[in-house]
C-alpha atoms as a PDB file:
ATOM      1  CA  GLN A   1     103.508  97.815  81.007  1.00  0.00           C
ATOM      2  CA  VAL A   2     102.528  99.512  84.225  1.00  0.00           C
ATOM      3  CA  GLN A   3     102.721 103.292  84.348  1.00  0.00           C
ATOM      4  CA  LEU A   4     101.975 105.643  87.206  1.00  0.00           C
ATOM      5  CA  VAL A   5     102.086 109.319  86.298  1.00  0.00           C
ATOM      6  CA  GLU A   6     101.920 111.944  89.028  1.00  0.00           C
ATOM      7  CA  SER A   7     100.955 115.569  88.575  1.00  0.00           C
ATOM      8  CA  GLY A   8     100.061 118.612  90.635  1.00  0.00           C
ATOM      9  CA  GLY A   9     103.289 119.373  92.426  1.00  0.00           C
ATOM     10  CA  GLU A  10     104.334 123.022  92.548  1.00  0.00           C
ATOM     11  CA  LEU A  11     105.578 125.828  94.745  1.00  0.00           C
ATOM     12  CA  VAL A  12     103.060 126.895  97.385  1.00  0.00           C
ATOM     13  CA  GLN A  13     103.148 129.087 100.467  1.00  0.00           C
ATOM     14  CA  ALA A  14     102.917 127.615 103.929  1.00  0.00           C
ATOM     15  CA  GLY A  15      99.298 127.244 104.962  1.00  0.00           C
ATOM     16  CA  GLY A  16      98.197 126.666 101.396  1.00  0.00           C
ATOM     17  CA  SER A  17      96.742 123.619  99.671  1.00  0.00           C
ATOM     18  CA  LEU A  18      97.604 121.389  96.744  1.00  0.00           C
ATOM     19  CA  ARG A  19      96.011 118.365  95.141  1.00  0.00           C
ATOM     20  CA  LEU A  20      98.225 115.722  93.634  1.00  0.00           C
ATOM     21  CA  ALA A  21      96.915 113.220  91.114  1.00  0.00           C
ATOM     22  CA  CYS A  22      98.295 109.914  89.885  1.00  0.00           C
ATOM     23  CA  VAL A  23      96.927 108.233  86.800  1.00  0.00           C
ATOM     24  CA  ALA A  24      97.581 104.513  86.454  1.00  0.00           C
ATOM     25  CA  SER A  25      97.695 102.377  83.330  1.00  0.00           C
ATOM     26  CA  GLY A  26      98.601  98.770  82.670  1.00  0.00           C
ATOM     27  CA  ILE A  27      96.875  97.478  85.807  1.00  0.00           C
ATOM     28  CA  THR A  28      93.340  96.659  86.861  1.00  0.00           C
ATOM     29  CA  PHE A  29      93.227  99.789  88.967  1.00  0.00           C
ATOM     30  CA  SER A  30      90.222  98.809  91.062  1.00  0.00           C
ATOM     31  CA  ALA A  31      92.105  95.700  92.234  1.00  0.00           C
ATOM     32  CA  TYR A  32      95.150  97.595  93.472  1.00  0.00           C
ATOM     33  CA  ALA A  33      95.908  99.313  96.741  1.00  0.00           C
ATOM     34  CA  MET A  34      97.431 102.732  96.155  1.00  0.00           C
ATOM     35  CA  GLY A  35      99.805 104.802  98.202  1.00  0.00           C
ATOM     36  CA  TRP A  36     101.631 108.101  98.358  1.00  0.00           C
ATOM     37  CA  PHE A  37     105.178 108.394  99.606  1.00  0.00           C
ATOM     38  CA  ARG A  38     107.616 111.275  99.821  1.00  0.00           C
ATOM     39  CA  GLN A  39     111.357 111.749  99.878  1.00  0.00           C
ATOM     40  CA  THR A  40     113.746 114.583 100.621  1.00  0.00           C
ATOM     41  CA  PRO A  41     117.469 114.621  99.767  1.00  0.00           C
ATOM     42  CA  GLY A  42     119.501 112.457 102.111  1.00  0.00           C
ATOM     43  CA  LYS A  43     116.478 110.784 103.651  1.00  0.00           C
ATOM     44  CA  GLU A  44     114.693 107.542 103.014  1.00  0.00           C
ATOM     45  CA  ARG A  45     111.407 107.510 101.186  1.00  0.00           C
ATOM     46  CA  GLU A  46     108.583 107.644 103.727  1.00  0.00           C
ATOM     47  CA  PHE A  47     104.965 106.577 103.710  1.00  0.00           C
ATOM     48  CA  VAL A  48     102.418 109.384 103.555  1.00  0.00           C
ATOM     49  CA  ALA A  49      99.017 107.820 102.882  1.00  0.00           C
ATOM     50  CA  GLY A  50      97.419 104.692 101.487  1.00  0.00           C
ATOM     51  CA  ILE A  51      94.013 103.505 100.327  1.00  0.00           C
ATOM     52  CA  THR A  52      92.738  99.983  99.879  1.00  0.00           C
ATOM     53  CA  SER A  53      91.200  98.609  96.705  1.00  0.00           C
ATOM     54  CA  SER A  54      88.178  96.993  98.319  1.00  0.00           C
ATOM     55  CA  ASP A  55      86.440  99.481 100.568  1.00  0.00           C
ATOM     56  CA  SER A  56      88.728 102.508 100.178  1.00  0.00           C
ATOM     57  CA  SER A  57      89.893 102.276 103.769  1.00  0.00           C
ATOM     58  CA  THR A  58      92.726 104.705 104.396  1.00  0.00           C
ATOM     59  CA  ASN A  59      95.859 105.001 106.496  1.00  0.00           C
ATOM     60  CA  TYR A  60      98.010 108.075 107.130  1.00  0.00           C
ATOM     61  CA  ALA A  61     101.394 108.903 108.542  1.00  0.00           C
ATOM     62  CA  ASP A  62     101.113 110.755 111.838  1.00  0.00           C
ATOM     63  CA  ALA A  63     102.836 113.784 110.307  1.00  0.00           C
ATOM     64  CA  VAL A  64      99.997 114.369 107.844  1.00  0.00           C
ATOM     65  CA  LYS A  65      96.981 113.022 109.706  1.00  0.00           C
ATOM     66  CA  GLY A  66      94.198 115.576 109.772  1.00  0.00           C
ATOM     67  CA  ARG A  67      95.766 117.639 106.963  1.00  0.00           C
ATOM     68  CA  PHE A  68      96.028 115.272 103.986  1.00  0.00           C
ATOM     69  CA  ILE A  69      93.269 113.216 102.380  1.00  0.00           C
ATOM     70  CA  ILE A  70      93.802 110.324  99.986  1.00  0.00           C
ATOM     71  CA  SER A  71      91.002 109.289  97.648  1.00  0.00           C
ATOM     72  CA  ARG A  72      90.525 107.292  94.494  1.00  0.00           C
ATOM     73  CA  ASP A  73      88.339 107.363  91.393  1.00  0.00           C
ATOM     74  CA  ASN A  74      88.298 103.881  89.896  1.00  0.00           C
ATOM     75  CA  ALA A  75      86.451 105.102  86.806  1.00  0.00           C
ATOM     76  CA  LYS A  76      89.390 107.400  86.037  1.00  0.00           C
ATOM     77  CA  ASN A  77      92.173 105.073  87.224  1.00  0.00           C
ATOM     78  CA  THR A  78      93.302 107.928  89.429  1.00  0.00           C
ATOM     79  CA  VAL A  79      94.353 108.359  93.030  1.00  0.00           C
ATOM     80  CA  TYR A  80      94.488 111.801  94.618  1.00  0.00           C
ATOM     81  CA  LEU A  81      96.245 113.369  97.564  1.00  0.00           C
ATOM     82  CA  GLN A  82      94.596 116.515  98.870  1.00  0.00           C
ATOM     83  CA  MET A  83      97.139 118.391 100.951  1.00  0.00           C
ATOM     84  CA  ASN A  84      95.905 121.153 103.233  1.00  0.00           C
ATOM     85  CA  SER A  85      97.602 123.411 105.775  1.00  0.00           C
ATOM     86  CA  LEU A  86     100.925 122.734 104.126  1.00  0.00           C
ATOM     87  CA  LYS A  87     104.092 123.182 106.146  1.00  0.00           C
ATOM     88  CA  PHE A  88     107.675 123.831 105.114  1.00  0.00           C
ATOM     89  CA  GLU A  89     108.532 120.303 106.233  1.00  0.00           C
ATOM     90  CA  ASP A  90     106.104 118.870 103.674  1.00  0.00           C
ATOM     91  CA  THR A  91     108.555 119.898 100.965  1.00  0.00           C
ATOM     92  CA  ALA A  92     109.575 116.735  99.114  1.00  0.00           C
ATOM     93  CA  VAL A  93     109.240 114.714  95.954  1.00  0.00           C
ATOM     94  CA  TYR A  94     105.946 112.864  96.201  1.00  0.00           C
ATOM     95  CA  TYR A  95     105.634 109.411  94.668  1.00  0.00           C
ATOM     96  CA  CYS A  96     102.580 107.387  93.783  1.00  0.00           C
ATOM     97  CA  ALA A  97     102.743 103.614  94.306  1.00  0.00           C
ATOM     98  CA  ALA A  98     100.574 100.595  93.570  1.00  0.00           C
ATOM     99  CA  LYS A  99     100.343  96.987  94.692  1.00  0.00           C
ATOM    100  CA  PRO A 100      97.813  94.182  94.359  1.00  0.00           C
ATOM    101  CA  ALA A 101      94.978  94.305  96.862  1.00  0.00           C
ATOM    102  CA  SER A 102      96.219  94.386 100.424  1.00  0.00           C
ATOM    103  CA  ILE A 103      95.168  95.729 103.800  1.00  0.00           C
ATOM    104  CA  VAL A 104      98.779  96.615 104.554  1.00  0.00           C
ATOM    105  CA  LEU A 105      99.178 100.081 103.112  1.00  0.00           C
ATOM    106  CA  THR A 106     102.503 101.274 104.495  1.00  0.00           C
ATOM    107  CA  THR A 107     104.976  99.078 102.653  1.00  0.00           C
ATOM    108  CA  ALA A 108     105.800  96.507  99.921  1.00  0.00           C
ATOM    109  CA  TYR A 109     104.525  98.391  96.903  1.00  0.00           C
ATOM    110  CA  ARG A 110     105.284  96.871  93.526  1.00  0.00           C
ATOM    111  CA  HIS A 111     104.988  99.779  91.113  1.00  0.00           C
ATOM    112  CA  TRP A 112     106.184 103.364  91.417  1.00  0.00           C
ATOM    113  CA  GLY A 113     105.766 106.628  89.578  1.00  0.00           C
ATOM    114  CA  GLN A 114     108.527 109.084  88.764  1.00  0.00           C
ATOM    115  CA  GLY A 115     107.493 111.638  91.371  1.00  0.00           C
ATOM    116  CA  THR A 116     106.304 115.221  91.481  1.00  0.00           C
ATOM    117  CA  GLN A 117     108.029 118.014  93.379  1.00  0.00           C
ATOM    118  CA  VAL A 118     106.155 119.846  96.113  1.00  0.00           C
ATOM    119  CA  THR A 119     107.880 122.894  97.544  1.00  0.00           C
ATOM    120  CA  VAL A 120     106.394 124.792 100.470  1.00  0.00           C
ATOM    121  CA  SER A 121     107.832 128.225 101.147  1.00  0.00           C
ATOM    122  CA  SER A 122     107.903 129.400 104.729  1.00  0.00           C
END
């Protein structure tokens, strides 16, 4: 049974930083591409960042490029999202996702976590 468990979401002031973590179980983590997505009420879930399984290449949405950093620790089965210079518009539920090794990081994920709420006060 695959489980992805996110943590780290909280209320933060604009300009601040947060680090989200997602611990995976039930998969061979090192063989999976990992991604972060976010969703706000009334909007579709959107891609935020992704990281490959092979060489840890990364891809970011334009809205977060230069502010967010995705990384992974295969020894801990964990993927992280470091979020800096947070803006009010970053407020959302953030979801972790996993799929078998792929260079396409923006879509077609197989497994999803339950999400963690990030709220940025202006």
